[in-house]
Amino acid sequence: MLPIDITRLKGTHIYLELLRPDHIEVLKELARDERLWEFTKTLLINDTYNEQFQTYITTALDPTAVEGQQAFVIRATADDSIIGMTRYYAITPKDKRLAIGYTWYIPAVWGGPHNKECKLLLLQYAFEIVGFQRVEFHIAHQNVRSQKAVEKIGGVKEGVLRKYAIRPDGSIRDTVIYSIIDEEWPEKKQRLLDMVKSYQQLV
């Protein structure tokens, strides 16, 4: 697990908090929306949802799971409400790399500045504070919306891992790999800053 200075993960539209047990009940209700899991099938909204969610959140709270991770809740600065979750995972200090993912937002904020600013904060922390050289994004091949979002912020598509995982519903998932590396970060950062700023100008 990375040492996290949470005060550095606050922006204009969102701020991050380290996931804690007292977040669970709110997250459980927010996550009970099939639209969030259309492509990943991480949670199936059926009569086993409570058990599934308990497993999901227990894993998210465990820093040793998923090759080392740190989970966050995402709050809107406008009213401090929780609007989603995200994680650093596959944290590999030896190779100075990690992945960003397991990200979801309530549909009410889809299309807004929240995800772009969240990625800006997490990428900035990984490259500028921790000093890592590579950040990855692993996206389900059917999730074209998320692929386009990563491409828009400058993620470089490296390839497709075929039959990479089996989802909870038994279906097969191919995974598309994107990355941003440290040499590219200054240009990608400016792109993200401009995107977030464009939302502020519309307000």
N, C-alpha and C. Protein backbone atom coordinates (compact mmCIF):
# COMPACT_ATOMS: atom_id res chain seq x y z
N MET A 1 0.84 -1.20 0.00
CA MET A 1 0.00 0.00 0.00
C MET A 1 0.88 1.25 0.00
N LEU A 2 0.50 2.23 -0.79
CA LEU A 2 1.26 3.47 -0.85
C LEU A 2 0.97 4.35 0.36
N PRO A 3 1.96 5.13 0.80
CA PRO A 3 1.66 6.16 1.79
C PRO A 3 0.85 7.25 1.10
N ILE A 4 -0.32 7.56 1.62
CA ILE A 4 -1.22 8.51 0.97
C ILE A 4 -1.38 9.76 1.82
N ASP A 5 -1.04 10.90 1.25
CA ASP A 5 -1.34 12.20 1.85
C ASP A 5 -2.66 12.66 1.24
N ILE A 6 -3.76 12.37 1.93
CA ILE A 6 -5.08 12.59 1.35
C ILE A 6 -5.36 14.06 1.06
N THR A 7 -4.63 14.96 1.71
CA THR A 7 -4.85 16.39 1.47
C THR A 7 -4.46 16.79 0.06
N ARG A 8 -3.66 15.97 -0.60
CA ARG A 8 -3.24 16.26 -1.98
C ARG A 8 -4.22 15.72 -3.01
N LEU A 9 -5.27 15.07 -2.56
CA LEU A 9 -6.24 14.47 -3.47
C LEU A 9 -7.58 15.21 -3.37
N LYS A 10 -7.50 16.51 -3.50
CA LYS A 10 -8.70 17.35 -3.46
C LYS A 10 -8.67 18.33 -4.63
N GLY A 11 -9.77 18.40 -5.36
CA GLY A 11 -9.86 19.29 -6.51
C GLY A 11 -11.01 20.27 -6.37
N THR A 12 -11.39 20.84 -7.49
CA THR A 12 -12.49 21.81 -7.51
C THR A 12 -13.85 21.14 -7.42
N HIS A 13 -13.98 19.99 -8.10
CA HIS A 13 -15.28 19.32 -8.21
C HIS A 13 -15.40 18.10 -7.31
N ILE A 14 -14.28 17.45 -7.02
CA ILE A 14 -14.31 16.24 -6.20
C ILE A 14 -13.14 16.22 -5.23
N TYR A 15 -13.28 15.40 -4.21
CA TYR A 15 -12.13 15.06 -3.37
C TYR A 15 -12.24 13.60 -2.98
N LEU A 16 -11.11 13.01 -2.65
CA LEU A 16 -11.05 11.60 -2.32
C LEU A 16 -10.85 11.40 -0.83
N GLU A 17 -11.43 10.33 -0.34
CA GLU A 17 -11.19 9.87 1.03
C GLU A 17 -10.77 8.41 0.98
N LEU A 18 -9.88 8.01 1.87
CA LEU A 18 -9.55 6.60 1.98
C LEU A 18 -10.80 5.84 2.40
N LEU A 19 -11.05 4.71 1.75
CA LEU A 19 -12.22 3.90 2.07
C LEU A 19 -12.17 3.45 3.53
N ARG A 20 -13.29 3.64 4.23
CA ARG A 20 -13.40 3.24 5.64
C ARG A 20 -14.68 2.43 5.84
N PRO A 21 -14.74 1.64 6.91
CA PRO A 21 -15.96 0.87 7.17
C PRO A 21 -17.21 1.72 7.30
N ASP A 22 -17.07 2.96 7.79
CA ASP A 22 -18.28 3.78 7.97
C ASP A 22 -18.85 4.28 6.64
N HIS A 23 -18.16 4.05 5.53
CA HIS A 23 -18.70 4.40 4.22
C HIS A 23 -19.63 3.32 3.66
N ILE A 24 -19.59 2.13 4.26
CA ILE A 24 -20.17 0.95 3.62
C ILE A 24 -21.66 1.08 3.33
N GLU A 25 -22.44 1.52 4.29
CA GLU A 25 -23.90 1.53 4.09
C GLU A 25 -24.32 2.45 2.96
N VAL A 26 -23.70 3.62 2.87
CA VAL A 26 -24.03 4.53 1.77
C VAL A 26 -23.63 3.92 0.44
N LEU A 27 -22.43 3.36 0.37
CA LEU A 27 -21.96 2.75 -0.88
C LEU A 27 -22.84 1.58 -1.29
N LYS A 28 -23.31 0.82 -0.32
CA LYS A 28 -24.15 -0.34 -0.63
C LYS A 28 -25.41 0.07 -1.36
N GLU A 29 -26.01 1.18 -0.95
CA GLU A 29 -27.22 1.65 -1.61
C GLU A 29 -26.91 2.28 -2.97
N LEU A 30 -25.83 3.04 -3.04
CA LEU A 30 -25.47 3.68 -4.32
C LEU A 30 -25.13 2.64 -5.39
N ALA A 31 -24.49 1.56 -4.98
CA ALA A 31 -24.03 0.54 -5.93
C ALA A 31 -25.16 -0.37 -6.41
N ARG A 32 -26.34 -0.22 -5.83
CA ARG A 32 -27.46 -1.09 -6.20
C ARG A 32 -28.16 -0.56 -7.47
N ASP A 33 -27.37 -0.38 -8.50
CA ASP A 33 -27.88 0.17 -9.76
C ASP A 33 -27.23 -0.63 -10.90
N GLU A 34 -28.03 -1.36 -11.63
CA GLU A 34 -27.50 -2.25 -12.66
C GLU A 34 -26.68 -1.53 -13.72
N ARG A 35 -26.98 -0.25 -13.93
CA ARG A 35 -26.24 0.50 -14.95
C ARG A 35 -24.75 0.58 -14.64
N LEU A 36 -24.39 0.53 -13.36
CA LEU A 36 -22.98 0.63 -12.97
C LEU A 36 -22.17 -0.60 -13.40
N TRP A 37 -22.84 -1.72 -13.52
CA TRP A 37 -22.14 -3.00 -13.73
C TRP A 37 -22.47 -3.63 -15.07
N GLU A 38 -22.96 -2.81 -16.00
CA GLU A 38 -23.38 -3.32 -17.30
C GLU A 38 -22.28 -4.10 -18.01
N PHE A 39 -21.04 -3.62 -17.92
CA PHE A 39 -19.94 -4.24 -18.66
C PHE A 39 -19.07 -5.13 -17.79
N THR A 40 -18.86 -4.76 -16.54
CA THR A 40 -17.96 -5.53 -15.69
C THR A 40 -18.64 -6.71 -15.02
N LYS A 41 -19.95 -6.60 -14.76
CA LYS A 41 -20.68 -7.62 -14.02
C LYS A 41 -20.03 -7.88 -12.66
N THR A 42 -19.37 -6.86 -12.12
CA THR A 42 -18.73 -7.01 -10.81
C THR A 42 -19.76 -7.37 -9.75
N LEU A 43 -20.89 -6.69 -9.79
CA LEU A 43 -22.00 -7.00 -8.89
C LEU A 43 -23.23 -7.32 -9.74
N LEU A 44 -23.92 -8.39 -9.39
CA LEU A 44 -25.16 -8.75 -10.07
C LEU A 44 -26.31 -8.34 -9.16
N ILE A 45 -27.22 -7.55 -9.70
CA ILE A 45 -28.31 -7.03 -8.88
C ILE A 45 -29.41 -8.09 -8.84
N ASN A 46 -29.30 -8.98 -7.86
CA ASN A 46 -30.29 -10.05 -7.69
C ASN A 46 -30.43 -10.35 -6.21
N ASP A 47 -31.00 -11.49 -5.88
CA ASP A 47 -31.26 -11.77 -4.47
C ASP A 47 -30.01 -12.11 -3.67
N THR A 48 -28.85 -12.18 -4.32
CA THR A 48 -27.60 -12.39 -3.59
C THR A 48 -26.77 -11.11 -3.50
N TYR A 49 -27.38 -9.98 -3.83
CA TYR A 49 -26.63 -8.71 -3.86
C TYR A 49 -25.95 -8.42 -2.53
N ASN A 50 -26.64 -8.61 -1.42
CA ASN A 50 -26.06 -8.26 -0.12
C ASN A 50 -24.77 -9.05 0.13
N GLU A 51 -24.79 -10.34 -0.18
CA GLU A 51 -23.60 -11.16 0.01
C GLU A 51 -22.49 -10.75 -0.96
N GLN A 52 -22.87 -10.48 -2.21
CA GLN A 52 -21.88 -10.04 -3.20
C GLN A 52 -21.22 -8.74 -2.76
N PHE A 53 -22.05 -7.80 -2.30
CA PHE A 53 -21.50 -6.50 -1.92
C PHE A 53 -20.56 -6.65 -0.73
N GLN A 54 -20.90 -7.51 0.22
CA GLN A 54 -20.04 -7.71 1.38
C GLN A 54 -18.67 -8.23 0.95
N THR A 55 -18.65 -9.17 0.01
CA THR A 55 -17.37 -9.68 -0.51
C THR A 55 -16.61 -8.58 -1.23
N TYR A 56 -17.32 -7.82 -2.04
CA TYR A 56 -16.72 -6.72 -2.81
C TYR A 56 -16.07 -5.69 -1.89
N ILE A 57 -16.79 -5.27 -0.86
CA ILE A 57 -16.28 -4.20 0.00
C ILE A 57 -15.19 -4.73 0.93
N THR A 58 -15.29 -5.99 1.36
CA THR A 58 -14.23 -6.59 2.19
C THR A 58 -12.92 -6.64 1.41
N THR A 59 -13.01 -7.01 0.13
CA THR A 59 -11.82 -7.02 -0.72
C THR A 59 -11.26 -5.62 -0.91
N ALA A 60 -12.15 -4.65 -1.11
CA ALA A 60 -11.70 -3.27 -1.32
C ALA A 60 -10.99 -2.71 -0.09
N LEU A 61 -11.41 -3.14 1.10
CA LEU A 61 -10.81 -2.65 2.34
C LEU A 61 -9.48 -3.33 2.66
N ASP A 62 -9.17 -4.42 1.97
CA ASP A 62 -7.96 -5.20 2.25
C ASP A 62 -6.81 -4.71 1.38
N PRO A 63 -5.81 -4.05 1.96
CA PRO A 63 -4.71 -3.51 1.15
C PRO A 63 -3.83 -4.58 0.51
N THR A 64 -3.95 -5.82 0.95
CA THR A 64 -3.13 -6.89 0.38
C THR A 64 -3.82 -7.58 -0.80
N ALA A 65 -5.08 -7.24 -1.03
CA ALA A 65 -5.81 -7.86 -2.14
C ALA A 65 -5.42 -7.20 -3.47
N VAL A 66 -5.72 -7.88 -4.57
CA VAL A 66 -5.51 -7.35 -5.92
C VAL A 66 -4.07 -6.83 -6.07
N GLU A 67 -3.11 -7.64 -5.64
CA GLU A 67 -1.68 -7.32 -5.79
C GLU A 67 -1.28 -6.03 -5.07
N GLY A 68 -1.96 -5.70 -4.02
CA GLY A 68 -1.69 -4.45 -3.32
C GLY A 68 -2.56 -3.35 -3.87
N GLN A 69 -3.30 -2.70 -3.00
CA GLN A 69 -4.25 -1.71 -3.48
C GLN A 69 -4.54 -0.66 -2.41
N GLN A 70 -5.14 0.43 -2.84
CA GLN A 70 -5.69 1.43 -1.95
C GLN A 70 -7.00 1.91 -2.56
N ALA A 71 -8.09 1.72 -1.85
CA ALA A 71 -9.41 2.12 -2.34
C ALA A 71 -9.80 3.47 -1.77
N PHE A 72 -10.55 4.22 -2.57
CA PHE A 72 -11.01 5.55 -2.18
C PHE A 72 -12.51 5.67 -2.44
N VAL A 73 -13.16 6.51 -1.65
CA VAL A 73 -14.49 7.00 -2.03
C VAL A 73 -14.30 8.37 -2.66
N ILE A 74 -15.18 8.70 -3.57
CA ILE A 74 -15.15 9.98 -4.28
C ILE A 74 -16.32 10.81 -3.78
N ARG A 75 -16.03 12.01 -3.32
CA ARG A 75 -17.09 12.91 -2.85
C ARG A 75 -17.15 14.15 -3.73
N ALA A 76 -18.35 14.67 -3.91
CA ALA A 76 -18.55 15.93 -4.63
C ALA A 76 -18.27 17.08 -3.68
N THR A 77 -17.47 18.04 -4.11
CA THR A 77 -17.18 19.18 -3.24
C THR A 77 -18.41 20.06 -3.03
N ALA A 78 -19.35 20.02 -3.96
CA ALA A 78 -20.52 20.89 -3.86
C ALA A 78 -21.34 20.63 -2.61
N ASP A 79 -21.49 19.35 -2.23
CA ASP A 79 -22.33 19.02 -1.07
C ASP A 79 -21.74 17.90 -0.21
N ASP A 80 -20.52 17.49 -0.48
CA ASP A 80 -19.83 16.44 0.28
C ASP A 80 -20.46 15.06 0.14
N SER A 81 -21.37 14.89 -0.81
CA SER A 81 -22.01 13.58 -0.99
C SER A 81 -21.06 12.60 -1.67
N ILE A 82 -21.19 11.33 -1.32
CA ILE A 82 -20.42 10.29 -1.99
C ILE A 82 -21.02 10.04 -3.36
N ILE A 83 -20.18 10.06 -4.40
CA ILE A 83 -20.67 9.87 -5.76
C ILE A 83 -20.02 8.67 -6.45
N GLY A 84 -19.09 7.99 -5.78
CA GLY A 84 -18.48 6.84 -6.42
C GLY A 84 -17.29 6.30 -5.66
N MET A 85 -16.58 5.40 -6.32
CA MET A 85 -15.38 4.77 -5.76
C MET A 85 -14.33 4.62 -6.84
N THR A 86 -13.08 4.50 -6.42
CA THR A 86 -11.98 4.18 -7.33
C THR A 86 -10.85 3.55 -6.52
N ARG A 87 -9.86 3.00 -7.21
CA ARG A 87 -8.73 2.38 -6.51
C ARG A 87 -7.43 2.58 -7.28
N TYR A 88 -6.35 2.65 -6.53
CA TYR A 88 -5.04 2.26 -7.01
C TYR A 88 -4.95 0.76 -6.77
N TYR A 89 -4.40 0.02 -7.72
CA TYR A 89 -4.18 -1.41 -7.48
C TYR A 89 -3.00 -1.88 -8.31
N ALA A 90 -2.66 -3.16 -8.16
CA ALA A 90 -1.45 -3.69 -8.81
C ALA A 90 -0.27 -2.76 -8.55
N ILE A 91 -0.18 -2.30 -7.31
CA ILE A 91 0.89 -1.36 -6.92
C ILE A 91 2.20 -2.13 -6.81
N THR A 92 3.18 -1.73 -7.64
CA THR A 92 4.46 -2.44 -7.70
C THR A 92 5.59 -1.44 -7.55
N PRO A 93 5.96 -1.09 -6.30
CA PRO A 93 7.00 -0.09 -6.07
C PRO A 93 8.33 -0.42 -6.74
N LYS A 94 8.68 -1.71 -6.79
CA LYS A 94 9.96 -2.11 -7.39
C LYS A 94 10.07 -1.64 -8.84
N ASP A 95 8.97 -1.75 -9.56
CA ASP A 95 8.95 -1.36 -10.97
C ASP A 95 8.34 0.02 -11.20
N LYS A 96 7.99 0.70 -10.11
CA LYS A 96 7.43 2.05 -10.17
C LYS A 96 6.21 2.13 -11.09
N ARG A 97 5.27 1.23 -10.83
CA ARG A 97 4.04 1.25 -11.62
C ARG A 97 2.85 0.85 -10.76
N LEU A 98 1.69 1.25 -11.23
CA LEU A 98 0.43 0.87 -10.60
C LEU A 98 -0.67 0.99 -11.64
N ALA A 99 -1.86 0.55 -11.26
CA ALA A 99 -3.04 0.69 -12.11
C ALA A 99 -4.09 1.51 -11.38
N ILE A 100 -4.91 2.19 -12.15
CA ILE A 100 -6.08 2.90 -11.63
C ILE A 100 -7.32 2.22 -12.20
N GLY A 101 -8.26 1.90 -11.35
CA GLY A 101 -9.45 1.24 -11.85
C GLY A 101 -10.45 0.95 -10.75
N TYR A 102 -11.32 -0.05 -11.01
CA TYR A 102 -12.43 -0.35 -10.11
C TYR A 102 -13.24 0.92 -9.85
N THR A 103 -13.35 1.75 -10.88
CA THR A 103 -13.96 3.07 -10.73
C THR A 103 -15.42 3.02 -11.14
N TRP A 104 -16.27 3.60 -10.33
CA TRP A 104 -17.66 3.78 -10.72
C TRP A 104 -18.21 5.06 -10.10
N TYR A 105 -19.19 5.62 -10.79
CA TYR A 105 -19.86 6.84 -10.35
C TYR A 105 -21.37 6.65 -10.44
N ILE A 106 -22.09 7.35 -9.60
CA ILE A 106 -23.54 7.33 -9.75
C ILE A 106 -23.91 7.98 -11.09
N PRO A 107 -24.94 7.48 -11.76
CA PRO A 107 -25.29 8.01 -13.09
C PRO A 107 -25.55 9.51 -13.12
N ALA A 108 -25.96 10.10 -12.01
CA ALA A 108 -26.27 11.54 -11.99
C ALA A 108 -25.07 12.41 -12.35
N VAL A 109 -23.84 11.89 -12.19
CA VAL A 109 -22.66 12.71 -12.50
C VAL A 109 -21.96 12.25 -13.78
N TRP A 110 -22.51 11.26 -14.47
CA TRP A 110 -21.90 10.83 -15.73
C TRP A 110 -21.85 12.00 -16.71
N GLY A 111 -20.75 12.13 -17.40
CA GLY A 111 -20.61 13.19 -18.39
C GLY A 111 -20.13 14.51 -17.83
N GLY A 112 -19.98 14.59 -16.51
CA GLY A 112 -19.51 15.81 -15.87
C GLY A 112 -18.00 15.82 -15.71
N PRO A 113 -17.48 16.75 -14.92
CA PRO A 113 -16.03 16.89 -14.75
C PRO A 113 -15.43 15.94 -13.73
N HIS A 114 -16.27 15.19 -13.02
CA HIS A 114 -15.82 14.46 -11.84
C HIS A 114 -14.77 13.40 -12.17
N ASN A 115 -15.02 12.59 -13.19
CA ASN A 115 -14.05 11.54 -13.51
C ASN A 115 -12.74 12.11 -14.03
N LYS A 116 -12.82 13.14 -14.84
CA LYS A 116 -11.59 13.74 -15.37
C LYS A 116 -10.74 14.32 -14.24
N GLU A 117 -11.39 15.01 -13.30
CA GLU A 117 -10.62 15.58 -12.20
C GLU A 117 -10.08 14.48 -11.28
N CYS A 118 -10.85 13.43 -11.09
CA CYS A 118 -10.36 12.31 -10.28
C CYS A 118 -9.12 11.69 -10.90
N LYS A 119 -9.15 11.47 -12.21
CA LYS A 119 -7.98 10.91 -12.89
C LYS A 119 -6.80 11.87 -12.81
N LEU A 120 -7.06 13.16 -12.95
CA LEU A 120 -6.00 14.16 -12.82
C LEU A 120 -5.32 14.05 -11.46
N LEU A 121 -6.11 13.99 -10.39
CA LEU A 121 -5.55 13.93 -9.04
C LEU A 121 -4.75 12.65 -8.82
N LEU A 122 -5.31 11.51 -9.26
CA LEU A 122 -4.63 10.24 -9.03
C LEU A 122 -3.36 10.10 -9.87
N LEU A 123 -3.41 10.54 -11.12
CA LEU A 123 -2.22 10.50 -11.97
C LEU A 123 -1.14 11.45 -11.45
N GLN A 124 -1.56 12.62 -11.06
CA GLN A 124 -0.61 13.61 -10.54
C GLN A 124 0.09 13.07 -9.29
N TYR A 125 -0.67 12.42 -8.42
CA TYR A 125 -0.09 11.86 -7.21
C TYR A 125 0.91 10.75 -7.55
N ALA A 126 0.51 9.87 -8.48
CA ALA A 126 1.38 8.74 -8.83
C ALA A 126 2.69 9.20 -9.46
N PHE A 127 2.62 10.17 -10.36
CA PHE A 127 3.82 10.60 -11.07
C PHE A 127 4.64 11.63 -10.29
N GLU A 128 3.98 12.58 -9.67
CA GLU A 128 4.69 13.71 -9.08
C GLU A 128 5.01 13.55 -7.60
N ILE A 129 4.18 12.85 -6.87
CA ILE A 129 4.41 12.69 -5.43
C ILE A 129 5.15 11.37 -5.15
N VAL A 130 4.63 10.29 -5.71
CA VAL A 130 5.23 8.97 -5.46
C VAL A 130 6.44 8.74 -6.36
N GLY A 131 6.45 9.35 -7.55
CA GLY A 131 7.58 9.18 -8.45
C GLY A 131 7.53 7.92 -9.29
N PHE A 132 6.33 7.40 -9.54
CA PHE A 132 6.21 6.22 -10.38
C PHE A 132 6.41 6.60 -11.85
N GLN A 133 6.70 5.57 -12.68
CA GLN A 133 6.99 5.83 -14.08
C GLN A 133 5.91 5.33 -15.04
N ARG A 134 4.94 4.59 -14.51
CA ARG A 134 3.92 4.00 -15.38
C ARG A 134 2.60 3.83 -14.63
N VAL A 135 1.51 4.23 -15.27
CA VAL A 135 0.16 4.00 -14.74
C VAL A 135 -0.65 3.27 -15.81
N GLU A 136 -1.33 2.21 -15.40
CA GLU A 136 -2.11 1.40 -16.33
C GLU A 136 -3.60 1.54 -16.07
N PHE A 137 -4.38 1.23 -17.12
CA PHE A 137 -5.83 1.13 -17.03
C PHE A 137 -6.23 -0.17 -17.72
N HIS A 138 -6.98 -1.03 -17.03
CA HIS A 138 -7.41 -2.32 -17.57
C HIS A 138 -8.93 -2.24 -17.74
N ILE A 139 -9.41 -2.31 -18.97
CA ILE A 139 -10.82 -2.04 -19.25
C ILE A 139 -11.46 -3.20 -20.01
N ALA A 140 -12.66 -3.60 -19.58
CA ALA A 140 -13.39 -4.66 -20.28
C ALA A 140 -13.60 -4.28 -21.74
N HIS A 141 -13.43 -5.26 -22.64
CA HIS A 141 -13.47 -4.94 -24.07
C HIS A 141 -14.83 -4.43 -24.52
N GLN A 142 -15.92 -4.80 -23.81
CA GLN A 142 -17.24 -4.29 -24.18
C GLN A 142 -17.47 -2.87 -23.69
N ASN A 143 -16.66 -2.42 -22.77
CA ASN A 143 -16.89 -1.11 -22.14
C ASN A 143 -16.28 0.00 -22.99
N VAL A 144 -16.93 0.26 -24.11
CA VAL A 144 -16.42 1.25 -25.06
C VAL A 144 -16.42 2.64 -24.45
N ARG A 145 -17.40 2.94 -23.61
CA ARG A 145 -17.47 4.26 -22.99
C ARG A 145 -16.23 4.55 -22.16
N SER A 146 -15.80 3.58 -21.35
CA SER A 146 -14.60 3.80 -20.53
C SER A 146 -13.34 3.84 -21.37
N GLN A 147 -13.30 3.04 -22.44
CA GLN A 147 -12.14 3.09 -23.33
C GLN A 147 -12.01 4.47 -23.96
N LYS A 148 -13.12 5.02 -24.41
CA LYS A 148 -13.09 6.35 -25.02
C LYS A 148 -12.68 7.41 -23.99
N ALA A 149 -13.13 7.23 -22.75
CA ALA A 149 -12.78 8.19 -21.70
C ALA A 149 -11.27 8.19 -21.44
N VAL A 150 -10.67 7.00 -21.40
CA VAL A 150 -9.23 6.91 -21.17
C VAL A 150 -8.46 7.44 -22.37
N GLU A 151 -8.94 7.15 -23.56
CA GLU A 151 -8.28 7.68 -24.76
C GLU A 151 -8.35 9.21 -24.79
N LYS A 152 -9.46 9.75 -24.32
CA LYS A 152 -9.63 11.20 -24.33
C LYS A 152 -8.62 11.90 -23.43
N ILE A 153 -8.25 11.26 -22.33
CA ILE A 153 -7.27 11.89 -21.43
C ILE A 153 -5.83 11.54 -21.83
N GLY A 154 -5.67 10.76 -22.89
CA GLY A 154 -4.33 10.51 -23.40
C GLY A 154 -3.77 9.13 -23.14
N GLY A 155 -4.60 8.21 -22.65
CA GLY A 155 -4.11 6.85 -22.45
C GLY A 155 -3.74 6.20 -23.77
N VAL A 156 -2.62 5.49 -23.79
CA VAL A 156 -2.13 4.82 -25.00
C VAL A 156 -2.57 3.36 -24.97
N LYS A 157 -3.30 2.94 -25.99
CA LYS A 157 -3.76 1.55 -26.07
C LYS A 157 -2.59 0.65 -26.43
N GLU A 158 -2.34 -0.35 -25.59
CA GLU A 158 -1.20 -1.24 -25.80
C GLU A 158 -1.60 -2.60 -26.36
N GLY A 159 -2.87 -2.96 -26.21
CA GLY A 159 -3.29 -4.25 -26.74
C GLY A 159 -4.46 -4.83 -25.97
N VAL A 160 -4.84 -6.04 -26.36
CA VAL A 160 -5.97 -6.73 -25.76
C VAL A 160 -5.49 -8.07 -25.20
N LEU A 161 -5.80 -8.32 -23.93
CA LEU A 161 -5.53 -9.61 -23.31
C LEU A 161 -6.78 -10.47 -23.50
N ARG A 162 -6.69 -11.47 -24.36
CA ARG A 162 -7.85 -12.26 -24.72
C ARG A 162 -8.20 -13.28 -23.63
N LYS A 163 -9.49 -13.46 -23.41
CA LYS A 163 -9.99 -14.38 -22.39
C LYS A 163 -9.23 -14.19 -21.07
N TYR A 164 -9.16 -12.95 -20.64
CA TYR A 164 -8.34 -12.59 -19.48
C TYR A 164 -9.01 -12.93 -18.16
N ALA A 165 -10.34 -12.89 -18.12
CA ALA A 165 -11.02 -13.11 -16.84
C ALA A 165 -12.41 -13.69 -17.08
N ILE A 166 -12.93 -14.31 -16.02
CA ILE A 166 -14.31 -14.81 -16.03
C ILE A 166 -15.10 -13.96 -15.05
N ARG A 167 -16.18 -13.36 -15.53
CA ARG A 167 -16.99 -12.48 -14.70
C ARG A 167 -17.85 -13.29 -13.72
N PRO A 168 -18.38 -12.61 -12.69
CA PRO A 168 -19.25 -13.31 -11.73
C PRO A 168 -20.45 -14.01 -12.36
N ASP A 169 -20.91 -13.53 -13.54
CA ASP A 169 -22.05 -14.19 -14.18
C ASP A 169 -21.62 -15.33 -15.09
N GLY A 170 -20.30 -15.62 -15.13
CA GLY A 170 -19.79 -16.73 -15.93
C GLY A 170 -19.34 -16.37 -17.32
N SER A 171 -19.59 -15.13 -17.76
CA SER A 171 -19.18 -14.72 -19.10
C SER A 171 -17.68 -14.43 -19.14
N ILE A 172 -17.12 -14.52 -20.35
CA ILE A 172 -15.68 -14.33 -20.56
C ILE A 172 -15.39 -12.87 -20.86
N ARG A 173 -14.33 -12.36 -20.26
CA ARG A 173 -13.93 -10.97 -20.48
C ARG A 173 -12.55 -10.89 -21.12
N ASP A 174 -12.48 -10.19 -22.26
CA ASP A 174 -11.20 -9.73 -22.78
C ASP A 174 -10.90 -8.39 -22.12
N THR A 175 -9.64 -8.07 -21.91
CA THR A 175 -9.26 -6.83 -21.23
C THR A 175 -8.35 -5.99 -22.12
N VAL A 176 -8.73 -4.73 -22.30
CA VAL A 176 -7.95 -3.79 -23.09
C VAL A 176 -7.00 -3.05 -22.15
N ILE A 177 -5.72 -3.00 -22.49
CA ILE A 177 -4.71 -2.36 -21.65
C ILE A 177 -4.32 -1.00 -22.23
N TYR A 178 -4.40 0.01 -21.38
CA TYR A 178 -3.93 1.36 -21.70
C TYR A 178 -2.86 1.75 -20.69
N SER A 179 -2.01 2.70 -21.08
CA SER A 179 -1.02 3.21 -20.12
C SER A 179 -0.70 4.66 -20.40
N ILE A 180 -0.17 5.30 -19.37
CA ILE A 180 0.48 6.61 -19.47
C ILE A 180 1.81 6.46 -18.75
N ILE A 181 2.89 6.96 -19.36
CA ILE A 181 4.20 6.87 -18.72
C ILE A 181 4.71 8.26 -18.36
N ASP A 182 5.74 8.29 -17.53
CA ASP A 182 6.16 9.55 -16.94
C ASP A 182 6.60 10.59 -17.96
N GLU A 183 7.26 10.17 -19.05
CA GLU A 183 7.70 11.14 -20.05
C GLU A 183 6.51 11.85 -20.71
N GLU A 184 5.38 11.15 -20.77
CA GLU A 184 4.18 11.71 -21.41
C GLU A 184 3.36 12.58 -20.48
N TRP A 185 3.60 12.43 -19.18
CA TRP A 185 2.71 13.03 -18.20
C TRP A 185 2.53 14.54 -18.34
N PRO A 186 3.56 15.35 -18.54
CA PRO A 186 3.33 16.80 -18.62
C PRO A 186 2.29 17.19 -19.67
N GLU A 187 2.34 16.56 -20.85
CA GLU A 187 1.36 16.88 -21.89
C GLU A 187 -0.03 16.37 -21.53
N LYS A 188 -0.10 15.16 -20.96
CA LYS A 188 -1.39 14.60 -20.55
C LYS A 188 -1.99 15.42 -19.42
N LYS A 189 -1.13 15.88 -18.51
CA LYS A 189 -1.61 16.69 -17.39
C LYS A 189 -2.25 17.97 -17.90
N GLN A 190 -1.59 18.64 -18.84
CA GLN A 190 -2.15 19.88 -19.37
C GLN A 190 -3.48 19.62 -20.06
N ARG A 191 -3.58 18.49 -20.74
CA ARG A 191 -4.84 18.14 -21.39
C ARG A 191 -5.96 17.99 -20.36
N LEU A 192 -5.66 17.31 -19.27
CA LEU A 192 -6.66 17.12 -18.21
C LEU A 192 -7.01 18.44 -17.54
N LEU A 193 -6.01 19.27 -17.27
CA LEU A 193 -6.27 20.58 -16.67
C LEU A 193 -7.19 21.40 -17.55
N ASP A 194 -6.95 21.37 -18.85
CA ASP A 194 -7.80 22.13 -19.78
C ASP A 194 -9.23 21.59 -19.79
N MET A 195 -9.38 20.28 -19.72
CA MET A 195 -10.71 19.68 -19.69
C MET A 195 -11.48 20.10 -18.45
N VAL A 196 -10.82 20.01 -17.30
CA VAL A 196 -11.48 20.38 -16.04
C VAL A 196 -11.81 21.87 -16.04
N LYS A 197 -10.89 22.67 -16.53
CA LYS A 197 -11.11 24.12 -16.59
C LYS A 197 -12.28 24.47 -17.48
N SER A 198 -12.48 23.72 -18.55
CA SER A 198 -13.59 24.01 -19.47
C SER A 198 -14.93 23.86 -18.79
N TYR A 199 -15.04 22.95 -17.82
CA TYR A 199 -16.28 22.80 -17.07
C TYR A 199 -16.50 24.00 -16.15
N GLN A 200 -15.41 24.48 -15.55
CA GLN A 200 -15.53 25.64 -14.66
C GLN A 200 -16.02 26.87 -15.42
N GLN A 201 -15.59 27.00 -16.67
CA GLN A 201 -16.00 28.16 -17.47
C GLN A 201 -17.46 28.10 -17.85
N LEU A 202 -18.04 26.88 -17.84
CA LEU A 202 -19.45 26.73 -18.19
C LEU A 202 -20.37 27.03 -17.02
N VAL A 203 -19.82 27.01 -15.82
CA VAL A 203 -20.64 27.23 -14.62
C VAL A 203 -21.01 28.70 -14.49
